[in-house]
Amino acid sequence: MYELSGTVKKIFDEKTFNSGFNVREFVVTTEAEKYPQDICLQCVKEKVEMIEKLSEGDKVKVAFDLRGREYQGRYFVNLNAWKIESGGAGSAGPKPADGDDRPPYDPGDEVLDEEPPF
């Protein structure tokens, strides 16, 4: 599990593919390093609805997983958000008691359509 805090810079439209797979991306600007970084994350399937509560300019803390895969000889990495907390930048908010409230990972969740979902 990874986390980052920052400000929502951009929210993109949801994309739905022929297979029924849906994804929505958003960009968070983080200032944890010397220079601000714009980090693009995505929500897939039922997690897409989390983005509906966000607006550009909101402070957030995002919990995400790294997902990597090969597709037609090329390699891709996605940052899949599974939890978004408002006001995350600069606040250390409490963690869940068990430390991990993600749904179990199912490799079948990443079935590709004719084109990669990104």
PDB file of N, CA and C in Angstrom:
ATOM      1  N   MET A   1       0.841  -1.183   0.000  1.00  0.00           N
ATOM      2  CA  MET A   1       0.000   0.000   0.000  1.00  0.00           C
ATOM      3  C   MET A   1       0.885   1.245   0.000  1.00  0.00           C
ATOM      4  N   TYR A   2       0.490   2.198  -0.774  1.00  0.00           N
ATOM      5  CA  TYR A   2       1.184   3.479  -0.856  1.00  0.00           C
ATOM      6  C   TYR A   2       0.176   4.585  -0.588  1.00  0.00           C
ATOM      7  N   GLU A   3       0.664   5.735  -0.121  1.00  0.00           N
ATOM      8  CA  GLU A   3      -0.197   6.893   0.110  1.00  0.00           C
ATOM      9  C   GLU A   3       0.500   8.146  -0.368  1.00  0.00           C
ATOM     10  N   LEU A   4      -0.300   9.114  -0.780  1.00  0.00           N
ATOM     11  CA  LEU A   4       0.231  10.435  -1.076  1.00  0.00           C
ATOM     12  C   LEU A   4      -0.825  11.461  -0.716  1.00  0.00           C
ATOM     13  N   SER A   5      -0.364  12.664  -0.373  1.00  0.00           N
ATOM     14  CA  SER A   5      -1.253  13.777  -0.052  1.00  0.00           C
ATOM     15  C   SER A   5      -0.943  14.915  -0.987  1.00  0.00           C
ATOM     16  N   GLY A   6      -1.976  15.669  -1.336  1.00  0.00           N
ATOM     17  CA  GLY A   6      -1.770  16.809  -2.211  1.00  0.00           C
ATOM     18  C   GLY A   6      -3.084  17.451  -2.582  1.00  0.00           C
ATOM     19  N   THR A   7      -3.050  18.173  -3.697  1.00  0.00           N
ATOM     20  CA  THR A   7      -4.196  18.926  -4.186  1.00  0.00           C
ATOM     21  C   THR A   7      -4.650  18.352  -5.521  1.00  0.00           C
ATOM     22  N   VAL A   8      -5.961  18.142  -5.667  1.00  0.00           N
ATOM     23  CA  VAL A   8      -6.494  17.642  -6.937  1.00  0.00           C
ATOM     24  C   VAL A   8      -6.300  18.717  -7.997  1.00  0.00           C
ATOM     25  N   LYS A   9      -5.555  18.379  -9.033  1.00  0.00           N
ATOM     26  CA  LYS A   9      -5.270  19.333 -10.113  1.00  0.00           C
ATOM     27  C   LYS A   9      -6.235  19.165 -11.282  1.00  0.00           C
ATOM     28  N   LYS A  10      -6.529  17.922 -11.646  1.00  0.00           N
ATOM     29  CA  LYS A  10      -7.344  17.657 -12.837  1.00  0.00           C
ATOM     30  C   LYS A  10      -8.143  16.378 -12.622  1.00  0.00           C
ATOM     31  N   ILE A  11      -9.395  16.387 -13.072  1.00  0.00           N
ATOM     32  CA  ILE A  11     -10.245  15.200 -13.047  1.00  0.00           C
ATOM     33  C   ILE A  11     -10.702  14.949 -14.477  1.00  0.00           C
ATOM     34  N   PHE A  12     -10.444  13.756 -14.971  1.00  0.00           N
ATOM     35  CA  PHE A  12     -10.784  13.403 -16.341  1.00  0.00           C
ATOM     36  C   PHE A  12     -12.144  12.705 -16.395  1.00  0.00           C
ATOM     37  N   ASP A  13     -12.736  12.664 -17.591  1.00  0.00           N
ATOM     38  CA  ASP A  13     -14.002  11.971 -17.792  1.00  0.00           C
ATOM     39  C   ASP A  13     -13.806  10.465 -17.657  1.00  0.00           C
ATOM     40  N   GLU A  14     -14.858   9.799 -17.267  1.00  0.00           N
ATOM     41  CA  GLU A  14     -14.839   8.339 -17.146  1.00  0.00           C
ATOM     42  C   GLU A  14     -14.792   7.711 -18.536  1.00  0.00           C
ATOM     43  N   LYS A  15     -14.042   6.616 -18.651  1.00  0.00           N
ATOM     44  CA  LYS A  15     -13.974   5.859 -19.902  1.00  0.00           C
ATOM     45  C   LYS A  15     -14.571   4.481 -19.645  1.00  0.00           C
ATOM     46  N   THR A  16     -15.454   4.048 -20.548  1.00  0.00           N
ATOM     47  CA  THR A  16     -16.038   2.708 -20.463  1.00  0.00           C
ATOM     48  C   THR A  16     -15.722   1.987 -21.761  1.00  0.00           C
ATOM     49  N   PHE A  17     -15.270   0.733 -21.635  1.00  0.00           N
ATOM     50  CA  PHE A  17     -14.868  -0.058 -22.797  1.00  0.00           C
ATOM     51  C   PHE A  17     -15.938  -1.097 -23.119  1.00  0.00           C
ATOM     52  N   ASN A  18     -15.863  -1.669 -24.329  1.00  0.00           N
ATOM     53  CA  ASN A  18     -16.858  -2.639 -24.796  1.00  0.00           C
ATOM     54  C   ASN A  18     -17.053  -3.790 -23.817  1.00  0.00           C
ATOM     55  N   SER A  19     -16.012  -4.170 -23.114  1.00  0.00           N
ATOM     56  CA  SER A  19     -16.087  -5.283 -22.163  1.00  0.00           C
ATOM     57  C   SER A  19     -16.859  -4.910 -20.898  1.00  0.00           C
ATOM     58  N   GLY A  20     -17.187  -3.614 -20.741  1.00  0.00           N
ATOM     59  CA  GLY A  20     -17.862  -3.154 -19.533  1.00  0.00           C
ATOM     60  C   GLY A  20     -16.893  -2.585 -18.510  1.00  0.00           C
ATOM     61  N   PHE A  21     -15.598  -2.716 -18.763  1.00  0.00           N
ATOM     62  CA  PHE A  21     -14.556  -2.177 -17.874  1.00  0.00           C
ATOM     63  C   PHE A  21     -14.637  -0.661 -17.903  1.00  0.00           C
ATOM     64  N   ASN A  22     -14.622  -0.014 -16.730  1.00  0.00           N
ATOM     65  CA  ASN A  22     -14.632   1.444 -16.687  1.00  0.00           C
ATOM     66  C   ASN A  22     -13.485   1.940 -15.809  1.00  0.00           C
ATOM     67  N   VAL A  23     -12.985   3.117 -16.166  1.00  0.00           N
ATOM     68  CA  VAL A  23     -11.849   3.711 -15.471  1.00  0.00           C
ATOM     69  C   VAL A  23     -11.995   5.232 -15.514  1.00  0.00           C
ATOM     70  N   ARG A  24     -11.505   5.881 -14.463  1.00  0.00           N
ATOM     71  CA  ARG A  24     -11.491   7.346 -14.429  1.00  0.00           C
ATOM     72  C   ARG A  24     -10.188   7.777 -13.784  1.00  0.00           C
ATOM     73  N   GLU A  25      -9.521   8.725 -14.426  1.00  0.00           N
ATOM     74  CA  GLU A  25      -8.226   9.200 -13.940  1.00  0.00           C
ATOM     75  C   GLU A  25      -8.356  10.583 -13.319  1.00  0.00           C
ATOM     76  N   PHE A  26      -7.427  10.870 -12.413  1.00  0.00           N
ATOM     77  CA  PHE A  26      -7.337  12.194 -11.816  1.00  0.00           C
ATOM     78  C   PHE A  26      -5.872  12.464 -11.468  1.00  0.00           C
ATOM     79  N   VAL A  27      -5.525  13.742 -11.377  1.00  0.00           N
ATOM     80  CA  VAL A  27      -4.146  14.144 -11.104  1.00  0.00           C
ATOM     81  C   VAL A  27      -4.099  14.860  -9.762  1.00  0.00           C
ATOM     82  N   VAL A  28      -3.132  14.457  -8.932  1.00  0.00           N
ATOM     83  CA  VAL A  28      -2.899  15.090  -7.634  1.00  0.00           C
ATOM     84  C   VAL A  28      -1.508  15.718  -7.669  1.00  0.00           C
ATOM     85  N   THR A  29      -1.426  16.987  -7.297  1.00  0.00           N
ATOM     86  CA  THR A  29      -0.137  17.656  -7.182  1.00  0.00           C
ATOM     87  C   THR A  29       0.327  17.537  -5.745  1.00  0.00           C
ATOM     88  N   THR A  30       1.489  16.917  -5.574  1.00  0.00           N
ATOM     89  CA  THR A  30       2.042  16.725  -4.241  1.00  0.00           C
ATOM     90  C   THR A  30       3.291  17.581  -4.090  1.00  0.00           C
ATOM     91  N   GLU A  31       3.487  18.096  -2.896  1.00  0.00           N
ATOM     92  CA  GLU A  31       4.642  18.944  -2.639  1.00  0.00           C
ATOM     93  C   GLU A  31       5.539  18.331  -1.583  1.00  0.00           C
ATOM     94  N   ALA A  32       5.528  16.997  -1.487  1.00  0.00           N
ATOM     95  CA  ALA A  32       6.338  16.300  -0.495  1.00  0.00           C
ATOM     96  C   ALA A  32       7.826  16.349  -0.842  1.00  0.00           C
ATOM     97  N   GLU A  33       8.144  16.600  -2.073  1.00  0.00           N
ATOM     98  CA  GLU A  33       9.527  16.631  -2.538  1.00  0.00           C
ATOM     99  C   GLU A  33       9.960  18.088  -2.727  1.00  0.00           C
ATOM    100  N   LYS A  34      11.183  18.277  -3.174  1.00  0.00           N
ATOM    101  CA  LYS A  34      11.702  19.623  -3.393  1.00  0.00           C
ATOM    102  C   LYS A  34      10.870  20.372  -4.432  1.00  0.00           C
ATOM    103  N   TYR A  35      10.458  19.658  -5.490  1.00  0.00           N
ATOM    104  CA  TYR A  35       9.655  20.266  -6.553  1.00  0.00           C
ATOM    105  C   TYR A  35       8.285  19.590  -6.573  1.00  0.00           C
ATOM    106  N   PRO A  36       7.209  20.367  -6.798  1.00  0.00           N
ATOM    107  CA  PRO A  36       5.871  19.757  -6.871  1.00  0.00           C
ATOM    108  C   PRO A  36       5.829  18.693  -7.972  1.00  0.00           C
ATOM    109  N   GLN A  37       5.091  17.623  -7.710  1.00  0.00           N
ATOM    110  CA  GLN A  37       4.938  16.534  -8.670  1.00  0.00           C
ATOM    111  C   GLN A  37       3.463  16.359  -8.999  1.00  0.00           C
ATOM    112  N   ASP A  38       3.150  16.232 -10.284  1.00  0.00           N
ATOM    113  CA  ASP A  38       1.792  15.925 -10.727  1.00  0.00           C
ATOM    114  C   ASP A  38       1.705  14.416 -10.931  1.00  0.00           C
ATOM    115  N   ILE A  39       0.904  13.747 -10.116  1.00  0.00           N
ATOM    116  CA  ILE A  39       0.801  12.297 -10.129  1.00  0.00           C
ATOM    117  C   ILE A  39      -0.583  11.906 -10.651  1.00  0.00           C
ATOM    118  N   CYS A  40      -0.611  11.122 -11.724  1.00  0.00           N
ATOM    119  CA  CYS A  40      -1.869  10.653 -12.311  1.00  0.00           C
ATOM    120  C   CYS A  40      -2.227   9.303 -11.701  1.00  0.00           C
ATOM    121  N   LEU A  41      -3.414   9.242 -11.104  1.00  0.00           N
ATOM    122  CA  LEU A  41      -3.933   8.006 -10.510  1.00  0.00           C
ATOM    123  C   LEU A  41      -5.224   7.634 -11.232  1.00  0.00           C
ATOM    124  N   GLN A  42      -5.664   6.401 -11.010  1.00  0.00           N
ATOM    125  CA  GLN A  42      -6.918   5.990 -11.625  1.00  0.00           C
ATOM    126  C   GLN A  42      -7.764   5.203 -10.639  1.00  0.00           C
ATOM    127  N   CYS A  43      -9.063   5.238 -10.882  1.00  0.00           N
ATOM    128  CA  CYS A  43     -10.006   4.396 -10.159  1.00  0.00           C
ATOM    129  C   CYS A  43     -10.669   3.504 -11.196  1.00  0.00           C
ATOM    130  N   VAL A  44     -10.854   2.238 -10.838  1.00  0.00           N
ATOM    131  CA  VAL A  44     -11.482   1.301 -11.763  1.00  0.00           C
ATOM    132  C   VAL A  44     -12.742   0.719 -11.144  1.00  0.00           C
ATOM    133  N   LYS A  45     -13.624   0.298 -12.027  1.00  0.00           N
ATOM    134  CA  LYS A  45     -14.891  -0.336 -11.659  1.00  0.00           C
ATOM    135  C   LYS A  45     -15.647   0.471 -10.612  1.00  0.00           C
ATOM    136  N   GLU A  46     -16.059  -0.180  -9.499  1.00  0.00           N
ATOM    137  CA  GLU A  46     -16.905   0.494  -8.509  1.00  0.00           C
ATOM    138  C   GLU A  46     -16.185   1.630  -7.779  1.00  0.00           C
ATOM    139  N   LYS A  47     -14.855   1.683  -7.833  1.00  0.00           N
ATOM    140  CA  LYS A  47     -14.107   2.747  -7.160  1.00  0.00           C
ATOM    141  C   LYS A  47     -14.219   4.086  -7.896  1.00  0.00           C
ATOM    142  N   VAL A  48     -14.702   4.071  -9.149  1.00  0.00           N
ATOM    143  CA  VAL A  48     -14.859   5.298  -9.935  1.00  0.00           C
ATOM    144  C   VAL A  48     -15.753   6.297  -9.211  1.00  0.00           C
ATOM    145  N   GLU A  49     -16.748   5.805  -8.482  1.00  0.00           N
ATOM    146  CA  GLU A  49     -17.682   6.709  -7.806  1.00  0.00           C
ATOM    147  C   GLU A  49     -17.005   7.571  -6.743  1.00  0.00           C
ATOM    148  N   MET A  50     -15.830   7.165  -6.238  1.00  0.00           N
ATOM    149  CA  MET A  50     -15.117   7.987  -5.249  1.00  0.00           C
ATOM    150  C   MET A  50     -14.740   9.347  -5.828  1.00  0.00           C
ATOM    151  N   ILE A  51     -14.466   9.393  -7.124  1.00  0.00           N
ATOM    152  CA  ILE A  51     -14.020  10.628  -7.765  1.00  0.00           C
ATOM    153  C   ILE A  51     -15.165  11.632  -7.891  1.00  0.00           C
ATOM    154  N   GLU A  52     -16.401  11.156  -7.931  1.00  0.00           N
ATOM    155  CA  GLU A  52     -17.548  12.050  -8.060  1.00  0.00           C
ATOM    156  C   GLU A  52     -17.636  13.043  -6.910  1.00  0.00           C
ATOM    157  N   LYS A  53     -17.057  12.709  -5.763  1.00  0.00           N
ATOM    158  CA  LYS A  53     -17.098  13.583  -4.581  1.00  0.00           C
ATOM    159  C   LYS A  53     -15.991  14.631  -4.609  1.00  0.00           C
ATOM    160  N   LEU A  54     -15.074  14.527  -5.580  1.00  0.00           N
ATOM    161  CA  LEU A  54     -13.927  15.438  -5.632  1.00  0.00           C
ATOM    162  C   LEU A  54     -14.167  16.623  -6.548  1.00  0.00           C
ATOM    163  N   SER A  55     -13.470  17.703  -6.256  1.00  0.00           N
ATOM    164  CA  SER A  55     -13.431  18.875  -7.133  1.00  0.00           C
ATOM    165  C   SER A  55     -11.979  19.277  -7.284  1.00  0.00           C
ATOM    166  N   GLU A  56     -11.670  19.876  -8.407  1.00  0.00           N
ATOM    167  CA  GLU A  56     -10.312  20.383  -8.603  1.00  0.00           C
ATOM    168  C   GLU A  56     -10.032  21.424  -7.527  1.00  0.00           C
ATOM    169  N   GLY A  57      -8.852  21.343  -6.915  1.00  0.00           N
ATOM    170  CA  GLY A  57      -8.473  22.242  -5.835  1.00  0.00           C
ATOM    171  C   GLY A  57      -8.640  21.630  -4.452  1.00  0.00           C
ATOM    172  N   ASP A  58      -9.345  20.491  -4.357  1.00  0.00           N
ATOM    173  CA  ASP A  58      -9.526  19.820  -3.063  1.00  0.00           C
ATOM    174  C   ASP A  58      -8.198  19.260  -2.555  1.00  0.00           C
ATOM    175  N   LYS A  59      -8.008  19.325  -1.236  1.00  0.00           N
ATOM    176  CA  LYS A  59      -6.878  18.667  -0.580  1.00  0.00           C
ATOM    177  C   LYS A  59      -7.307  17.229  -0.283  1.00  0.00           C
ATOM    178  N   VAL A  60      -6.449  16.273  -0.630  1.00  0.00           N
ATOM    179  CA  VAL A  60      -6.792  14.863  -0.452  1.00  0.00           C
ATOM    180  C   VAL A  60      -5.600  14.046   0.023  1.00  0.00           C
ATOM    181  N   LYS A  61      -5.920  12.887   0.605  1.00  0.00           N
ATOM    182  CA  LYS A  61      -4.931  11.855   0.871  1.00  0.00           C
ATOM    183  C   LYS A  61      -5.436  10.620   0.142  1.00  0.00           C
ATOM    184  N   VAL A  62      -4.587  10.038  -0.705  1.00  0.00           N
ATOM    185  CA  VAL A  62      -4.996   8.920  -1.551  1.00  0.00           C
ATOM    186  C   VAL A  62      -4.180   7.683  -1.189  1.00  0.00           C
ATOM    187  N   ALA A  63      -4.862   6.575  -0.941  1.00  0.00           N
ATOM    188  CA  ALA A  63      -4.214   5.275  -0.756  1.00  0.00           C
ATOM    189  C   ALA A  63      -4.339   4.542  -2.085  1.00  0.00           C
ATOM    190  N   PHE A  64      -3.236   3.959  -2.550  1.00  0.00           N
ATOM    191  CA  PHE A  64      -3.249   3.335  -3.875  1.00  0.00           C
ATOM    192  C   PHE A  64      -2.301   2.140  -3.922  1.00  0.00           C
ATOM    193  N   ASP A  65      -2.481   1.330  -4.947  1.00  0.00           N
ATOM    194  CA  ASP A  65      -1.619   0.188  -5.223  1.00  0.00           C
ATOM    195  C   ASP A  65      -0.943   0.392  -6.570  1.00  0.00           C
ATOM    196  N   LEU A  66       0.231  -0.177  -6.723  1.00  0.00           N
ATOM    197  CA  LEU A  66       0.916  -0.209  -8.011  1.00  0.00           C
ATOM    198  C   LEU A  66       0.453  -1.444  -8.762  1.00  0.00           C
ATOM    199  N   ARG A  67       0.134  -1.291 -10.019  1.00  0.00           N
ATOM    200  CA  ARG A  67      -0.235  -2.422 -10.857  1.00  0.00           C
ATOM    201  C   ARG A  67       0.600  -2.350 -12.128  1.00  0.00           C
ATOM    202  N   GLY A  68       1.267  -3.426 -12.448  1.00  0.00           N
ATOM    203  CA  GLY A  68       2.081  -3.481 -13.659  1.00  0.00           C
ATOM    204  C   GLY A  68       1.675  -4.667 -14.506  1.00  0.00           C
ATOM    205  N   ARG A  69       1.803  -4.514 -15.809  1.00  0.00           N
ATOM    206  CA  ARG A  69       1.484  -5.621 -16.708  1.00  0.00           C
ATOM    207  C   ARG A  69       2.124  -5.407 -18.066  1.00  0.00           C
ATOM    208  N   GLU A  70       2.162  -6.504 -18.815  1.00  0.00           N
ATOM    209  CA  GLU A  70       2.673  -6.485 -20.178  1.00  0.00           C
ATOM    210  C   GLU A  70       1.477  -6.557 -21.117  1.00  0.00           C
ATOM    211  N   TYR A  71       1.501  -5.768 -22.186  1.00  0.00           N
ATOM    212  CA  TYR A  71       0.446  -5.789 -23.190  1.00  0.00           C
ATOM    213  C   TYR A  71       1.101  -5.618 -24.549  1.00  0.00           C
ATOM    214  N   GLN A  72       1.015  -6.643 -25.375  1.00  0.00           N
ATOM    215  CA  GLN A  72       1.578  -6.639 -26.725  1.00  0.00           C
ATOM    216  C   GLN A  72       3.040  -6.202 -26.734  1.00  0.00           C
ATOM    217  N   GLY A  73       3.825  -6.784 -25.827  1.00  0.00           N
ATOM    218  CA  GLY A  73       5.259  -6.529 -25.793  1.00  0.00           C
ATOM    219  C   GLY A  73       5.678  -5.230 -25.126  1.00  0.00           C
ATOM    220  N   ARG A  74       4.730  -4.467 -24.610  1.00  0.00           N
ATOM    221  CA  ARG A  74       5.043  -3.223 -23.895  1.00  0.00           C
ATOM    222  C   ARG A  74       4.619  -3.383 -22.445  1.00  0.00           C
ATOM    223  N   TYR A  75       5.276  -2.649 -21.571  1.00  0.00           N
ATOM    224  CA  TYR A  75       5.006  -2.751 -20.136  1.00  0.00           C
ATOM    225  C   TYR A  75       4.404  -1.457 -19.621  1.00  0.00           C
ATOM    226  N   PHE A  76       3.391  -1.592 -18.767  1.00  0.00           N
ATOM    227  CA  PHE A  76       2.653  -0.453 -18.261  1.00  0.00           C
ATOM    228  C   PHE A  76       2.530  -0.547 -16.747  1.00  0.00           C
ATOM    229  N   VAL A  77       2.489   0.615 -16.092  1.00  0.00           N
ATOM    230  CA  VAL A  77       2.292   0.693 -14.646  1.00  0.00           C
ATOM    231  C   VAL A  77       1.134   1.658 -14.402  1.00  0.00           C
ATOM    232  N   ASN A  78       0.224   1.263 -13.527  1.00  0.00           N
ATOM    233  CA  ASN A  78      -0.888   2.113 -13.147  1.00  0.00           C
ATOM    234  C   ASN A  78      -0.898   2.269 -11.630  1.00  0.00           C
ATOM    235  N   LEU A  79      -1.343   3.424 -11.191  1.00  0.00           N
ATOM    236  CA  LEU A  79      -1.528   3.691  -9.769  1.00  0.00           C
ATOM    237  C   LEU A  79      -3.030   3.638  -9.509  1.00  0.00           C
ATOM    238  N   ASN A  80      -3.491   2.528  -8.941  1.00  0.00           N
ATOM    239  CA  ASN A  80      -4.921   2.308  -8.717  1.00  0.00           C
ATOM    240  C   ASN A  80      -5.330   2.763  -7.331  1.00  0.00           C
ATOM    241  N   ALA A  81      -6.093   3.859  -7.280  1.00  0.00           N
ATOM    242  CA  ALA A  81      -6.580   4.384  -6.004  1.00  0.00           C
ATOM    243  C   ALA A  81      -7.706   3.502  -5.484  1.00  0.00           C
ATOM    244  N   TRP A  82      -7.680   3.224  -4.183  1.00  0.00           N
ATOM    245  CA  TRP A  82      -8.746   2.441  -3.572  1.00  0.00           C
ATOM    246  C   TRP A  82      -9.363   3.145  -2.372  1.00  0.00           C
ATOM    247  N   LYS A  83      -8.767   4.293  -1.979  1.00  0.00           N
ATOM    248  CA  LYS A  83      -9.330   5.085  -0.891  1.00  0.00           C
ATOM    249  C   LYS A  83      -8.901   6.535  -1.075  1.00  0.00           C
ATOM    250  N   ILE A  84      -9.847   7.459  -0.927  1.00  0.00           N
ATOM    251  CA  ILE A  84      -9.557   8.898  -1.032  1.00  0.00           C
ATOM    252  C   ILE A  84     -10.179   9.579   0.179  1.00  0.00           C
ATOM    253  N   GLU A  85      -9.332  10.293   0.936  1.00  0.00           N
ATOM    254  CA  GLU A  85      -9.812  11.044   2.094  1.00  0.00           C
ATOM    255  C   GLU A  85      -9.680  12.528   1.805  1.00  0.00           C
ATOM    256  N   SER A  86     -10.721  13.298   2.101  1.00  0.00           N
ATOM    257  CA  SER A  86     -10.670  14.752   1.924  1.00  0.00           C
ATOM    258  C   SER A  86      -9.782  15.367   2.980  1.00  0.00           C
ATOM    259  N   GLY A  87      -9.119  16.467   2.622  1.00  0.00           N
ATOM    260  CA  GLY A  87      -8.289  17.194   3.574  1.00  0.00           C
ATOM    261  C   GLY A  87      -7.011  16.486   3.945  1.00  0.00           C
ATOM    262  N   GLY A  88      -6.530  15.588   3.092  1.00  0.00           N
ATOM    263  CA  GLY A  88      -5.363  14.777   3.418  1.00  0.00           C
ATOM    264  C   GLY A  88      -4.062  15.536   3.480  1.00  0.00           C
ATOM    265  N   ALA A  89      -3.913  16.591   2.720  1.00  0.00           N
ATOM    266  CA  ALA A  89      -2.635  17.302   2.708  1.00  0.00           C
ATOM    267  C   ALA A  89      -2.405  17.964   4.050  1.00  0.00           C
ATOM    268  N   GLY A  90      -1.310  17.647   4.661  1.00  0.00           N
ATOM    269  CA  GLY A  90      -0.936  18.283   5.906  1.00  0.00           C
ATOM    270  C   GLY A  90      -1.600  17.700   7.137  1.00  0.00           C
ATOM    271  N   SER A  91      -2.495  16.733   6.959  1.00  0.00           N
ATOM    272  CA  SER A  91      -3.112  16.122   8.128  1.00  0.00           C
ATOM    273  C   SER A  91      -2.742  14.657   8.192  1.00  0.00           C
ATOM    274  N   ALA A  92      -2.541  14.183   9.383  1.00  0.00           N
ATOM    275  CA  ALA A  92      -2.095  12.809   9.554  1.00  0.00           C
ATOM    276  C   ALA A  92      -3.254  11.883   9.847  1.00  0.00           C
ATOM    277  N   GLY A  93      -4.467  12.185   9.570  1.00  0.00           N
ATOM    278  CA  GLY A  93      -5.659  11.443   9.897  1.00  0.00           C
ATOM    279  C   GLY A  93      -5.463  10.012  10.362  1.00  0.00           C
ATOM    280  N   PRO A  94      -6.373   9.504  11.147  1.00  0.00           N
ATOM    281  CA  PRO A  94      -6.241   8.152  11.676  1.00  0.00           C
ATOM    282  C   PRO A  94      -6.351   7.109  10.578  1.00  0.00           C
ATOM    283  N   LYS A  95      -5.623   5.997  10.764  1.00  0.00           N
ATOM    284  CA  LYS A  95      -5.687   4.888   9.827  1.00  0.00           C
ATOM    285  C   LYS A  95      -6.757   3.928  10.316  1.00  0.00           C
ATOM    286  N   PRO A  96      -7.310   3.125   9.420  1.00  0.00           N
ATOM    287  CA  PRO A  96      -8.268   2.124   9.866  1.00  0.00           C
ATOM    288  C   PRO A  96      -7.618   1.187  10.876  1.00  0.00           C
ATOM    289  N   ALA A  97      -8.418   0.605  11.760  1.00  0.00           N
ATOM    290  CA  ALA A  97      -7.882  -0.252  12.812  1.00  0.00           C
ATOM    291  C   ALA A  97      -7.053  -1.402  12.266  1.00  0.00           C
ATOM    292  N   ASP A  98      -7.500  -2.028  11.178  1.00  0.00           N
ATOM    293  CA  ASP A  98      -6.733  -3.137  10.632  1.00  0.00           C
ATOM    294  C   ASP A  98      -5.651  -2.674   9.677  1.00  0.00           C
ATOM    295  N   GLY A  99      -5.608  -1.384   9.362  1.00  0.00           N
ATOM    296  CA  GLY A  99      -4.558  -0.825   8.509  1.00  0.00           C
ATOM    297  C   GLY A  99      -4.762  -1.048   7.022  1.00  0.00           C
ATOM    298  N   ASP A 100      -5.793  -1.804   6.626  1.00  0.00           N
ATOM    299  CA  ASP A 100      -5.968  -2.098   5.207  1.00  0.00           C
ATOM    300  C   ASP A 100      -7.429  -2.457   4.941  1.00  0.00           C
ATOM    301  N   ASP A 101      -8.179  -1.526   4.342  1.00  0.00           N
ATOM    302  CA  ASP A 101      -9.587  -1.816   4.065  1.00  0.00           C
ATOM    303  C   ASP A 101      -9.847  -1.996   2.577  1.00  0.00           C
ATOM    304  N   ARG A 102      -8.842  -2.431   1.832  1.00  0.00           N
ATOM    305  CA  ARG A 102      -8.985  -2.682   0.400  1.00  0.00           C
ATOM    306  C   ARG A 102      -9.782  -3.949   0.156  1.00  0.00           C
ATOM    307  N   PRO A 103     -10.479  -3.999  -0.989  1.00  0.00           N
ATOM    308  CA  PRO A 103     -11.073  -5.278  -1.369  1.00  0.00           C
ATOM    309  C   PRO A 103      -9.955  -6.221  -1.812  1.00  0.00           C
ATOM    310  N   PRO A 104     -10.166  -7.535  -1.724  1.00  0.00           N
ATOM    311  CA  PRO A 104      -9.120  -8.455  -2.158  1.00  0.00           C
ATOM    312  C   PRO A 104      -8.810  -8.265  -3.638  1.00  0.00           C
ATOM    313  N   TYR A 105      -7.550  -8.412  -3.992  1.00  0.00           N
ATOM    314  CA  TYR A 105      -7.124  -8.251  -5.383  1.00  0.00           C
ATOM    315  C   TYR A 105      -7.506  -9.478  -6.188  1.00  0.00           C
ATOM    316  N   ASP A 106      -8.145  -9.257  -7.312  1.00  0.00           N
ATOM    317  CA  ASP A 106      -8.514 -10.338  -8.222  1.00  0.00           C
ATOM    318  C   ASP A 106      -7.871 -10.050  -9.566  1.00  0.00           C
ATOM    319  N   PRO A 107      -6.887 -10.875 -10.008  1.00  0.00           N
ATOM    320  CA  PRO A 107      -6.226 -10.624 -11.291  1.00  0.00           C
ATOM    321  C   PRO A 107      -7.205 -10.541 -12.444  1.00  0.00           C
ATOM    322  N   GLY A 108      -8.367 -11.177 -12.324  1.00  0.00           N
ATOM    323  CA  GLY A 108      -9.371 -11.107 -13.383  1.00  0.00           C
ATOM    324  C   GLY A 108      -9.978  -9.728 -13.529  1.00  0.00           C
ATOM    325  N   ASP A 109      -9.765  -8.853 -12.553  1.00  0.00           N
ATOM    326  CA  ASP A 109     -10.283  -7.486 -12.635  1.00  0.00           C
ATOM    327  C   ASP A 109      -9.654  -6.701 -13.766  1.00  0.00           C
ATOM    328  N   GLU A 110      -8.517  -7.130 -14.257  1.00  0.00           N
ATOM    329  CA  GLU A 110      -7.783  -6.356 -15.248  1.00  0.00           C
ATOM    330  C   GLU A 110      -7.884  -6.953 -16.645  1.00  0.00           C
ATOM    331  N   VAL A 111      -9.026  -7.547 -16.975  1.00  0.00           N
ATOM    332  CA  VAL A 111      -9.226  -8.101 -18.300  1.00  0.00           C
ATOM    333  C   VAL A 111      -9.256  -6.956 -19.299  1.00  0.00           C
ATOM    334  N   LEU A 112      -8.459  -7.095 -20.356  1.00  0.00           N
ATOM    335  CA  LEU A 112      -8.340  -6.031 -21.340  1.00  0.00           C
ATOM    336  C   LEU A 112      -9.311  -6.229 -22.484  1.00  0.00           C
ATOM    337  N   ASP A 113      -9.784  -5.140 -23.028  1.00  0.00           N
ATOM    338  CA  ASP A 113     -10.602  -5.130 -24.209  1.00  0.00           C
ATOM    339  C   ASP A 113      -9.670  -5.071 -25.411  1.00  0.00           C
ATOM    340  N   GLU A 114     -10.124  -4.562 -26.543  1.00  0.00           N
ATOM    341  CA  GLU A 114      -9.271  -4.427 -27.712  1.00  0.00           C
ATOM    342  C   GLU A 114      -8.073  -3.513 -27.468  1.00  0.00           C
ATOM    343  N   GLU A 115      -8.237  -2.573 -26.574  1.00  0.00           N
ATOM    344  CA  GLU A 115      -7.195  -1.601 -26.277  1.00  0.00           C
ATOM    345  C   GLU A 115      -6.976  -1.558 -24.771  1.00  0.00           C
ATOM    346  N   PRO A 116      -5.785  -1.161 -24.323  1.00  0.00           N
ATOM    347  CA  PRO A 116      -5.558  -1.079 -22.883  1.00  0.00           C
ATOM    348  C   PRO A 116      -6.396   0.037 -22.274  1.00  0.00           C
ATOM    349  N   PRO A 117      -6.888  -0.149 -21.043  1.00  0.00           N
ATOM    350  CA  PRO A 117      -7.763   0.852 -20.422  1.00  0.00           C
ATOM    351  C   PRO A 117      -7.016   2.014 -19.787  1.00  0.00           C
ATOM    352  N   PHE A 118      -6.301   2.781 -20.589  1.00  0.00           N
ATOM    353  CA  PHE A 118      -5.611   3.971 -20.098  1.00  0.00           C
ATOM    354  C   PHE A 118      -5.310   4.895 -21.222  1.00  0.00           C
TER     355      PHE A 118
END
